[in-house]
Amino acid sequence: MPSTIFIVDDEKNIRRTVRMVLEGEGFTVEEASSGEEALARLPEVAADVLLLDVQLPGISGLDTIERISKLKNQETQPTIIMISGHATLADAVRATKAGAYDLIEKPLDRERLMVALRNALERRAMAREVEGLRAMAEERFEMVGRSAAITALFAQIAKVAPTRTRVLITGESGTGKELIARALHRASALADKPFVKVNCAAIPKELIESELFGHERGAFTGATARKRGLFEIADGGTIFLDEVGDMISSAQAKVLRVLQSGEFSRVGGEQALKVDVRVIAATNRDLQAAVAAGEFREDLYFRLNVVPLRAPPLRDRADDVPLLSAAFVELACRENGMKVKVISDEAVAMLSAYPWPGNVRELRNVIERLVILSEESIGVGDLPEEIVAEVARKRRESTDAPAMLPRVELPAEARALPLREFRDHMEREYIRIKLDENGWNISRTATLLGIERTNLHKKMRALGLSRDSQSQST
């Protein structure tokens, strides 16, 4: 689609000349002769760039740009280039403060105009790309689910988020504790302030105090300059202490001091610095047991555990697997530049039956692998062997008594067969259906049927089943 340039100038000859130049370069051009007309037509024109004269009858160009900057729909606002025959420095400053990208003097030079337009369009495209990446990044941290467990958690987050209270999030690895922390931050009054994540388990023990609180130059070997710590960077916002149970005791003492007084000192420094941060912590350890074992300070535990939130494991919210799977498929396809794929109901049912020891993180990784390795759609045949085997094992264990199958009306030709031929016919059709469902993957089909791979090969030979014979018959 060609870019649309909206010319706003009260001189008809200038509008006509600029239109001829721009249309010759392949742009779509719209015109207005006043600021009032431009404001009225702006929503329908959907311009990419607005060429706006400073001196206009009625409201001036500078007043027009200030009114545009106050419009509600900021995303659809054009990039503005001011044009003027006698603009002052004060006019240029005012236009820039109001949001103008550039200012061009009259008479308009063709080359200068084209350079300004191309730069403005490139800047606009880059801004949209950044916004898209930001939206995608935010989407990665969205919590998805409708199960009773996740709905209850959403209700707790809604109550706690608007407060400044400290929160301790517990749960198994991969359950989305960081997502909960980010949700608390986004729904708080600090949403536009920094959110700083600290993985206490990933920072070497000898560096954690420097990372959290900063250091002065010369505090230790390699400290060639003063460094701000993460608490200082998070000042006014939220700091998220992930895996807080792995923090060393000396760092625990300093964190406790911050929670009590809001003060700390950089490593190697004597000056007390003051910060105002909301602290959210998370752990997959049993901190009460760690306190009893002397591995975690009891006073720090009580300071952090003002409001406890538990991230439920995925096995407790199996109803959310279909929603999560669909969301992860869409996200993985978009991130890898692929057309969105469809995941079959049978595959989703098998994913829902799997216990997911690695929780949501494991599901996401599996879905990304399926998106990359599968063809146009994702079926049972694309699922990893370990998932198919585990679900098949669970299903066998859960079948204590023969299932009550529905009554089946057989066609006349089937009722006329002797028992042995009927059995072979039905067994052949059932195995063929399972092979089709699994893309003729022998190992996976054997696992689902609950028989050995070699046994399935024997049955296929005895029943005359092969992929070649199947394709010939169809």
Protein backbone atom coordinates (compact mmCIF):
# COMPACT_ATOMS: atom_id res chain seq x y z
CA MET A 1 0.00 0.00 0.00
CA PRO A 2 1.41 3.44 -0.93
CA SER A 3 1.93 5.85 1.94
CA THR A 4 -0.64 8.65 2.30
CA ILE A 5 0.59 12.24 2.60
CA PHE A 6 -1.92 14.84 3.85
CA ILE A 7 -1.07 18.40 2.67
CA VAL A 8 -2.55 21.23 4.78
CA ASP A 9 -1.83 24.64 3.26
CA ASP A 10 -4.07 27.62 2.43
CA GLU A 11 -2.18 28.31 -0.84
CA LYS A 12 -3.78 26.30 -3.66
CA ASN A 13 -0.75 26.54 -5.94
CA ILE A 14 1.53 25.05 -3.29
CA ARG A 15 -0.89 22.17 -2.70
CA ARG A 16 -1.12 21.49 -6.44
CA THR A 17 2.67 21.59 -6.94
CA VAL A 18 3.38 19.30 -3.97
CA ARG A 19 0.63 16.90 -5.08
CA MET A 20 2.22 16.56 -8.54
CA VAL A 21 5.63 15.84 -7.03
CA LEU A 22 4.36 13.30 -4.52
CA GLU A 23 2.03 11.47 -6.89
CA GLY A 24 4.94 11.22 -9.31
CA GLU A 25 6.84 9.43 -6.52
CA GLY A 26 3.98 6.98 -5.97
CA PHE A 27 2.39 8.51 -2.86
CA THR A 28 -1.34 8.86 -2.23
CA VAL A 29 -2.12 12.53 -1.58
CA GLU A 30 -4.96 14.25 0.32
CA GLU A 31 -5.48 18.00 0.78
CA ALA A 32 -6.99 20.52 3.20
CA SER A 33 -6.88 24.31 3.17
CA SER A 34 -7.23 24.98 6.91
CA GLY A 35 -6.50 23.53 10.32
CA GLU A 36 -10.22 23.09 11.01
CA GLU A 37 -10.69 21.06 7.82
CA ALA A 38 -7.59 18.97 8.60
CA LEU A 39 -8.83 18.09 12.09
CA ALA A 40 -12.27 17.14 10.75
CA ARG A 41 -10.89 14.92 7.99
CA LEU A 42 -7.95 13.39 9.87
CA PRO A 43 -9.83 10.26 11.11
CA GLU A 44 -11.05 9.32 7.61
CA VAL A 45 -7.82 10.13 5.74
CA ALA A 46 -5.57 7.85 7.85
CA ALA A 47 -2.49 9.78 6.75
CA ASP A 48 1.04 8.54 7.37
CA VAL A 49 2.60 12.00 7.15
CA LEU A 50 0.98 15.42 7.58
CA LEU A 51 2.61 18.35 5.76
CA LEU A 52 1.30 21.24 7.85
CA ASP A 53 1.78 24.94 7.11
CA VAL A 54 2.63 27.06 10.13
CA GLN A 55 0.57 30.07 9.00
CA LEU A 56 -3.06 29.11 8.30
CA PRO A 57 -6.34 31.07 8.33
CA GLY A 58 -8.38 30.39 11.45
CA ILE A 59 -6.42 28.20 13.83
CA SER A 60 -2.70 28.25 13.03
CA GLY A 61 -0.61 25.24 12.15
CA LEU A 62 1.01 25.33 15.58
CA ASP A 63 -2.42 25.30 17.28
CA THR A 64 -3.48 22.49 14.93
CA ILE A 65 -0.54 20.27 15.86
CA GLU A 66 -1.19 20.85 19.56
CA ARG A 67 -4.83 19.78 19.11
CA ILE A 68 -3.74 16.68 17.16
CA SER A 69 -1.39 15.71 20.00
CA LYS A 70 -4.37 15.68 22.39
CA LEU A 71 -6.53 13.33 20.29
CA LYS A 72 -7.43 10.08 22.03
CA ASN A 73 -6.37 7.67 19.28
CA GLN A 74 -2.62 8.25 19.41
CA GLU A 75 -1.77 5.14 17.36
CA THR A 76 -3.38 6.49 14.17
CA GLN A 77 -1.85 9.96 14.38
CA PRO A 78 0.38 10.89 11.42
CA THR A 79 3.99 11.96 11.61
CA ILE A 80 3.97 15.76 11.22
CA ILE A 81 6.34 17.86 9.12
CA MET A 82 5.82 21.62 9.43
CA ILE A 83 6.31 23.90 6.41
CA SER A 84 6.74 27.67 6.63
CA GLY A 85 8.03 30.67 4.73
CA HIS A 86 8.92 32.73 7.79
CA ALA A 87 9.04 30.51 10.88
CA THR A 88 11.01 31.79 13.86
CA LEU A 89 13.19 29.77 16.20
CA ALA A 90 10.43 30.03 18.80
CA ASP A 91 7.97 28.53 16.29
CA ALA A 92 10.35 25.65 15.61
CA VAL A 93 10.80 24.96 19.32
CA ARG A 94 7.04 25.06 19.92
CA ALA A 95 6.36 22.74 16.97
CA THR A 96 8.98 20.24 18.17
CA LYS A 97 7.58 20.24 21.70
CA ALA A 98 4.10 19.60 20.29
CA GLY A 99 5.39 16.56 18.41
CA ALA A 100 6.51 17.75 14.96
CA TYR A 101 9.17 15.56 13.38
CA ASP A 102 10.73 18.21 11.10
CA LEU A 103 10.31 21.75 9.77
CA ILE A 104 10.96 22.71 6.12
CA GLU A 105 11.26 26.26 4.85
CA LYS A 106 9.43 27.60 1.80
CA PRO A 107 9.92 27.66 -1.09
CA LEU A 108 9.98 23.86 -0.87
CA ASP A 109 12.99 22.16 -2.39
CA ARG A 110 12.06 18.83 -4.03
CA GLU A 111 15.11 16.95 -2.74
CA ARG A 112 14.79 18.37 0.78
CA LEU A 113 11.09 17.44 0.83
CA MET A 114 11.70 13.85 -0.34
CA VAL A 115 14.51 13.31 2.18
CA ALA A 116 12.29 14.59 5.01
CA LEU A 117 9.38 12.38 3.91
CA ARG A 118 11.50 9.23 3.58
CA ASN A 119 13.10 9.83 6.99
CA ALA A 120 9.68 10.43 8.55
CA LEU A 121 8.25 7.24 7.01
CA GLU A 122 11.27 5.19 8.11
CA ARG A 123 10.94 6.54 11.64
CA ARG A 124 7.23 5.76 11.60
CA ALA A 125 7.85 2.20 10.38
CA MET A 126 10.50 1.70 13.04
CA ALA A 127 8.17 3.01 15.76
CA ARG A 128 5.45 0.59 14.64
CA GLU A 129 7.93 -2.28 14.65
CA VAL A 130 9.08 -1.40 18.16
CA GLU A 131 5.46 -1.18 19.30
CA GLY A 132 4.76 -4.56 17.74
CA LEU A 133 7.75 -6.10 19.49
CA ARG A 134 6.68 -4.50 22.76
CA ALA A 135 3.17 -5.88 22.35
CA MET A 136 4.59 -9.30 21.54
CA ALA A 137 6.81 -9.13 24.62
CA GLU A 138 3.80 -8.23 26.75
CA GLU A 139 1.86 -11.08 25.18
CA ARG A 140 4.59 -13.50 26.25
CA PHE A 141 3.84 -12.53 29.83
CA GLU A 142 0.05 -12.88 29.59
CA MET A 143 -1.59 -15.41 31.89
CA VAL A 144 -4.07 -17.69 30.12
CA GLY A 145 -6.70 -19.96 31.66
CA ARG A 146 -10.26 -20.51 32.80
CA SER A 147 -9.86 -23.41 35.23
CA ALA A 148 -11.02 -23.10 38.83
CA ALA A 149 -7.42 -22.97 40.08
CA ILE A 150 -6.31 -20.15 37.78
CA THR A 151 -9.58 -18.23 38.21
CA ALA A 152 -9.07 -18.22 41.97
CA LEU A 153 -5.53 -16.96 41.44
CA PHE A 154 -6.76 -14.16 39.16
CA ALA A 155 -9.16 -13.06 41.92
CA GLN A 156 -6.31 -12.94 44.45
CA ILE A 157 -4.12 -10.93 42.07
CA ALA A 158 -6.94 -8.42 41.52
CA LYS A 159 -7.17 -7.85 45.30
CA VAL A 160 -3.45 -7.65 46.02
CA ALA A 161 -2.12 -5.79 42.97
CA PRO A 162 -3.43 -2.27 43.78
CA THR A 163 -1.71 -2.34 47.19
CA ARG A 164 1.97 -1.83 48.02
CA THR A 165 2.13 -4.96 50.16
CA ARG A 166 4.87 -7.56 49.70
CA VAL A 167 3.96 -10.85 48.06
CA LEU A 168 5.65 -14.26 48.24
CA ILE A 169 4.82 -16.49 45.27
CA THR A 170 5.40 -20.20 45.73
CA GLY A 171 5.09 -23.04 43.27
CA GLU A 172 6.91 -25.65 41.27
CA SER A 173 9.42 -24.75 38.58
CA GLY A 174 7.72 -23.74 35.34
CA THR A 175 4.35 -22.78 36.82
CA GLY A 176 4.61 -19.12 35.82
CA LYS A 177 5.67 -17.35 39.01
CA GLU A 178 7.23 -14.54 37.00
CA LEU A 179 3.95 -14.09 35.10
CA ILE A 180 2.16 -13.62 38.42
CA ALA A 181 4.74 -11.03 39.52
CA ARG A 182 4.37 -9.12 36.25
CA ALA A 183 0.57 -9.28 36.51
CA LEU A 184 0.79 -7.78 40.01
CA HIS A 185 3.02 -4.98 38.70
CA ARG A 186 0.87 -4.23 35.62
CA ALA A 187 -2.29 -3.94 37.71
CA SER A 188 -0.68 -1.67 40.31
CA ALA A 189 -0.18 2.09 40.50
CA LEU A 190 3.50 1.39 39.66
CA ALA A 191 2.70 -0.01 36.20
CA ASP A 192 4.56 2.81 34.40
CA LYS A 193 7.58 2.48 36.70
CA PRO A 194 10.46 -0.05 36.41
CA PHE A 195 9.92 -3.78 36.85
CA VAL A 196 13.30 -5.31 37.69
CA LYS A 197 13.73 -9.08 37.79
CA VAL A 198 16.54 -10.66 39.83
CA ASN A 199 17.22 -14.39 39.48
CA CYS A 200 18.91 -15.04 42.80
CA ALA A 201 19.87 -18.59 41.76
CA ALA A 202 21.62 -17.47 38.56
CA ILE A 203 23.93 -14.84 40.13
CA PRO A 204 27.23 -16.20 41.55
CA LYS A 205 27.21 -16.03 45.33
CA GLU A 206 30.25 -13.74 45.39
CA LEU A 207 28.52 -11.22 43.10
CA ILE A 208 24.94 -11.16 44.38
CA GLU A 209 25.48 -8.30 46.85
CA SER A 210 27.11 -6.21 44.12
CA GLU A 211 24.25 -6.99 41.71
CA LEU A 212 21.56 -6.14 44.26
CA PHE A 213 23.10 -3.10 45.91
CA GLY A 214 25.85 -1.92 43.55
CA HIS A 215 29.48 -1.22 44.40
CA GLU A 216 31.92 1.63 44.64
CA ARG A 217 35.03 1.92 42.52
CA GLY A 218 37.84 -0.18 43.99
CA ALA A 219 35.50 -2.16 46.25
CA PHE A 220 37.06 -5.38 44.92
CA THR A 221 39.30 -6.56 42.12
CA GLY A 222 37.70 -5.62 38.82
CA ALA A 223 35.51 -2.86 40.27
CA THR A 224 36.91 -0.14 38.00
CA ALA A 225 33.89 2.14 38.27
CA ARG A 226 30.90 2.79 40.49
CA LYS A 227 27.93 0.57 39.65
CA ARG A 228 24.26 1.04 40.54
CA GLY A 229 22.56 -2.00 42.03
CA LEU A 230 19.23 -3.48 40.97
CA PHE A 231 17.44 -2.09 44.04
CA GLU A 232 18.61 1.38 43.02
CA ILE A 233 17.52 0.82 39.40
CA ALA A 234 14.07 -0.35 40.60
CA ASP A 235 13.57 2.73 42.80
CA GLY A 236 9.94 3.86 42.52
CA GLY A 237 8.87 0.58 40.91
CA THR A 238 8.86 -3.15 41.61
CA ILE A 239 11.75 -5.53 42.21
CA PHE A 240 11.07 -9.23 41.70
CA LEU A 241 13.37 -11.54 43.69
CA ASP A 242 13.02 -14.84 41.83
CA GLU A 243 14.30 -17.99 43.58
CA VAL A 244 14.81 -15.96 46.74
CA GLY A 245 15.39 -19.18 48.72
CA ASP A 246 18.82 -19.51 47.07
CA MET A 247 20.07 -16.16 48.35
CA ILE A 248 23.20 -16.28 50.56
CA SER A 249 22.90 -15.22 54.20
CA SER A 250 24.91 -11.98 53.89
CA ALA A 251 22.66 -10.79 51.06
CA GLN A 252 19.59 -11.84 53.09
CA ALA A 253 20.69 -9.50 55.90
CA LYS A 254 21.01 -6.55 53.51
CA VAL A 255 17.64 -7.27 51.89
CA LEU A 256 16.08 -7.37 55.35
CA ARG A 257 17.55 -3.93 56.08
CA VAL A 258 16.02 -2.54 52.87
CA LEU A 259 12.62 -3.98 53.78
CA GLN A 260 12.81 -2.53 57.30
CA SER A 261 14.14 0.96 56.54
CA GLY A 262 14.39 1.37 52.78
CA GLU A 263 18.15 1.94 53.19
CA PHE A 264 21.25 0.14 51.95
CA SER A 265 24.89 0.82 51.13
CA ARG A 266 26.82 -0.09 48.03
CA VAL A 267 29.56 -2.71 48.42
CA GLY A 268 32.67 -0.84 49.54
CA GLY A 269 30.66 2.28 50.33
CA GLU A 270 29.68 3.99 53.58
CA GLN A 271 26.92 6.29 52.36
CA ALA A 272 23.38 5.10 53.15
CA LEU A 273 21.13 5.23 50.10
CA LYS A 274 17.33 5.25 50.34
CA VAL A 275 14.92 3.61 47.89
CA ASP A 276 11.18 3.11 47.68
CA VAL A 277 10.42 -0.18 45.97
CA ARG A 278 7.73 -2.82 46.11
CA VAL A 279 9.25 -6.25 46.71
CA ILE A 280 7.75 -9.40 45.20
CA ALA A 281 9.58 -12.66 45.86
CA ALA A 282 9.19 -16.16 44.48
CA THR A 283 10.59 -19.58 45.26
CA ASN A 284 10.08 -23.26 44.43
CA ARG A 285 11.60 -24.24 47.78
CA ASP A 286 9.82 -24.86 51.06
CA LEU A 287 11.02 -21.75 52.89
CA GLN A 288 9.53 -22.83 56.19
CA ALA A 289 11.69 -25.97 56.04
CA ALA A 290 14.67 -23.81 55.01
CA VAL A 291 14.05 -21.60 58.07
CA ALA A 292 13.88 -24.67 60.33
CA ALA A 293 17.16 -25.92 58.83
CA GLY A 294 18.84 -22.55 59.43
CA GLU A 295 19.28 -21.92 55.69
CA PHE A 296 16.95 -18.91 55.49
CA ARG A 297 16.42 -16.06 57.95
CA GLU A 298 13.12 -16.35 59.78
CA ASP A 299 12.72 -12.56 60.11
CA LEU A 300 13.24 -12.12 56.35
CA TYR A 301 10.74 -14.90 55.63
CA PHE A 302 8.04 -13.14 57.64
CA ARG A 303 8.86 -9.81 55.99
CA LEU A 304 8.46 -11.31 52.51
CA ASN A 305 5.49 -13.54 53.24
CA VAL A 306 2.94 -10.79 53.93
CA VAL A 307 0.58 -12.12 51.23
CA PRO A 308 1.33 -15.64 50.00
CA LEU A 309 0.23 -16.64 46.48
CA ARG A 310 0.57 -20.16 45.09
CA ALA A 311 1.13 -20.83 41.39
CA PRO A 312 -0.86 -24.02 40.66
CA PRO A 313 0.91 -26.82 38.76
CA LEU A 314 -0.42 -27.56 35.28
CA ARG A 315 -1.70 -30.99 36.37
CA ASP A 316 -4.15 -29.15 38.67
CA ARG A 317 -5.44 -27.04 35.77
CA ALA A 318 -5.61 -29.57 32.93
CA ASP A 319 -8.72 -27.77 31.63
CA ASP A 320 -6.42 -24.90 30.61
CA VAL A 321 -4.19 -27.03 28.35
CA PRO A 322 -6.37 -26.50 25.21
CA LEU A 323 -6.32 -22.70 25.71
CA LEU A 324 -2.62 -22.63 26.49
CA SER A 325 -1.81 -24.88 23.53
CA ALA A 326 -3.73 -22.67 21.10
CA ALA A 327 -2.08 -19.52 22.49
CA PHE A 328 1.41 -21.05 22.30
CA VAL A 329 0.82 -22.32 18.75
CA GLU A 330 -0.19 -18.83 17.60
CA LEU A 331 2.74 -17.20 19.39
CA ALA A 332 5.31 -19.70 18.08
CA CYS A 333 4.02 -19.36 14.51
CA ARG A 334 4.20 -15.57 14.70
CA GLU A 335 7.69 -15.56 16.24
CA ASN A 336 8.98 -17.95 13.57
CA GLY A 337 7.26 -16.19 10.66
CA MET A 338 4.90 -19.09 9.91
CA LYS A 339 1.25 -19.28 8.96
CA VAL A 340 -0.79 -20.15 12.06
CA LYS A 341 -1.19 -23.91 12.31
CA VAL A 342 -4.15 -25.92 13.61
CA ILE A 343 -3.72 -28.49 16.35
CA SER A 344 -6.14 -31.42 16.17
CA ASP A 345 -8.67 -32.21 18.90
CA GLU A 346 -7.09 -35.67 19.36
CA ALA A 347 -3.65 -34.12 19.93
CA VAL A 348 -5.08 -31.58 22.38
CA ALA A 349 -6.86 -34.37 24.27
CA MET A 350 -3.58 -36.27 24.60
CA LEU A 351 -1.73 -33.14 25.73
CA SER A 352 -4.46 -32.53 28.32
CA ALA A 353 -4.04 -36.08 29.67
CA TYR A 354 -0.27 -35.71 30.14
CA PRO A 355 0.83 -34.79 33.71
CA TRP A 356 3.39 -32.13 32.62
CA PRO A 357 6.09 -32.44 35.30
CA GLY A 358 7.75 -29.32 33.82
CA ASN A 359 4.42 -27.45 33.97
CA VAL A 360 3.55 -24.57 31.62
CA ARG A 361 7.17 -24.04 30.60
CA GLU A 362 7.41 -27.64 29.39
CA LEU A 363 4.12 -27.33 27.47
CA ARG A 364 5.31 -24.16 25.77
CA ASN A 365 8.61 -25.76 24.72
CA VAL A 366 6.81 -28.83 23.35
CA ILE A 367 4.36 -26.67 21.38
CA GLU A 368 7.19 -24.64 19.86
CA ARG A 369 8.91 -27.89 18.80
CA LEU A 370 5.67 -29.16 17.26
CA VAL A 371 5.15 -25.91 15.35
CA ILE A 372 8.65 -26.08 13.86
CA LEU A 373 8.71 -29.81 13.01
CA SER A 374 5.11 -30.41 11.91
CA GLU A 375 3.56 -29.81 8.50
CA GLU A 376 0.45 -27.64 7.96
CA SER A 377 -1.35 -29.01 11.03
CA ILE A 378 -0.38 -30.72 14.28
CA GLY A 379 -1.79 -34.19 14.96
CA VAL A 380 -1.24 -37.05 17.38
CA GLY A 381 1.45 -38.41 15.07
CA ASP A 382 3.55 -35.30 15.68
CA LEU A 383 3.57 -35.59 19.47
CA PRO A 384 6.79 -36.62 21.26
CA GLU A 385 7.15 -40.35 21.99
CA GLU A 386 7.39 -39.84 25.76
CA ILE A 387 4.05 -38.02 25.90
CA VAL A 388 2.26 -40.68 23.84
CA ALA A 389 3.78 -43.48 25.93
CA GLU A 390 2.93 -41.85 29.27
CA VAL A 391 -0.68 -41.12 28.29
CA ALA A 392 -1.11 -44.66 26.97
CA ARG A 393 0.29 -46.05 30.24
CA LYS A 394 -2.07 -43.92 32.32
CA ARG A 395 -5.02 -45.00 30.26
CA ARG A 396 -4.15 -48.68 30.67
CA GLU A 397 -3.74 -48.26 34.42
CA SER A 398 -7.06 -46.44 34.76
CA THR A 399 -8.97 -49.23 32.97
CA ASP A 400 -9.79 -51.56 35.88
CA ALA A 401 -12.85 -53.03 34.21
CA PRO A 402 -13.86 -53.54 30.59
CA ALA A 403 -15.42 -50.40 29.16
CA MET A 404 -19.11 -50.53 28.24
CA LEU A 405 -19.01 -49.95 24.49
CA PRO A 406 -22.06 -48.61 22.65
CA ARG A 407 -24.14 -51.02 20.60
CA VAL A 408 -23.01 -51.02 16.96
CA GLU A 409 -25.26 -51.77 14.01
CA LEU A 410 -23.25 -53.93 11.59
CA PRO A 411 -23.82 -53.90 7.83
CA ALA A 412 -25.33 -57.07 6.33
CA GLU A 413 -22.07 -58.10 4.63
CA ALA A 414 -20.20 -57.92 7.96
CA ARG A 415 -22.87 -60.01 9.75
CA ALA A 416 -22.48 -62.69 7.06
CA LEU A 417 -18.76 -63.19 7.78
CA PRO A 418 -17.50 -66.10 9.86
CA LEU A 419 -16.17 -65.05 13.27
CA ARG A 420 -12.47 -65.38 12.36
CA GLU A 421 -12.83 -63.33 9.15
CA PHE A 422 -14.93 -60.72 10.97
CA ARG A 423 -12.29 -60.44 13.71
CA ASP A 424 -9.47 -60.07 11.17
CA HIS A 425 -11.46 -57.49 9.22
CA MET A 426 -12.22 -55.36 12.30
CA GLU A 427 -8.67 -55.68 13.66
CA ARG A 428 -7.25 -54.63 10.29
CA GLU A 429 -9.53 -51.57 10.10
CA TYR A 430 -8.79 -50.53 13.69
CA ILE A 431 -5.00 -50.80 13.23
CA ARG A 432 -5.25 -48.93 9.90
CA ILE A 433 -7.17 -46.09 11.60
CA LYS A 434 -4.55 -45.82 14.36
CA LEU A 435 -1.71 -45.87 11.82
CA ASP A 436 -3.40 -43.08 9.87
CA GLU A 437 -3.86 -41.03 13.03
CA ASN A 438 -0.14 -41.37 13.82
CA GLY A 439 1.20 -40.78 10.31
CA TRP A 440 2.13 -44.46 10.04
CA ASN A 441 4.66 -44.11 12.85
CA ILE A 442 4.98 -47.75 13.93
CA SER A 443 6.53 -47.12 17.36
CA ARG A 444 3.96 -44.52 18.36
CA THR A 445 1.03 -46.60 17.10
CA ALA A 446 2.29 -49.68 18.95
CA THR A 447 2.52 -47.63 22.14
CA LEU A 448 -1.06 -46.42 21.76
CA LEU A 449 -2.29 -49.95 21.02
CA GLY A 450 -0.44 -51.28 24.07
CA ILE A 451 1.58 -53.87 22.14
CA GLU A 452 5.22 -54.37 21.25
CA ARG A 453 6.57 -52.80 18.05
CA THR A 454 7.61 -56.22 16.69
CA ASN A 455 4.14 -57.58 17.45
CA LEU A 456 2.54 -54.76 15.46
CA HIS A 457 4.83 -55.50 12.51
CA LYS A 458 3.72 -59.16 12.61
CA LYS A 459 0.05 -58.21 12.71
CA MET A 460 0.47 -55.81 9.79
CA ARG A 461 2.14 -58.52 7.69
CA ALA A 462 -0.53 -61.06 8.61
CA LEU A 463 -3.34 -58.64 7.80
CA GLY A 464 -1.73 -57.35 4.63
CA LEU A 465 -1.35 -53.81 5.98
CA SER A 466 1.32 -51.48 4.56
CA ARG A 467 1.51 -47.85 3.62
CA ASP A 468 1.92 -48.79 -0.04
CA SER A 469 -1.14 -51.01 -0.06
CA GLN A 470 -3.11 -48.28 1.71
CA SER A 471 -2.20 -45.66 -0.89
CA GLN A 472 -3.06 -48.05 -3.71
CA SER A 473 -6.43 -48.84 -2.19
CA THR A 474 -7.28 -45.16 -1.90
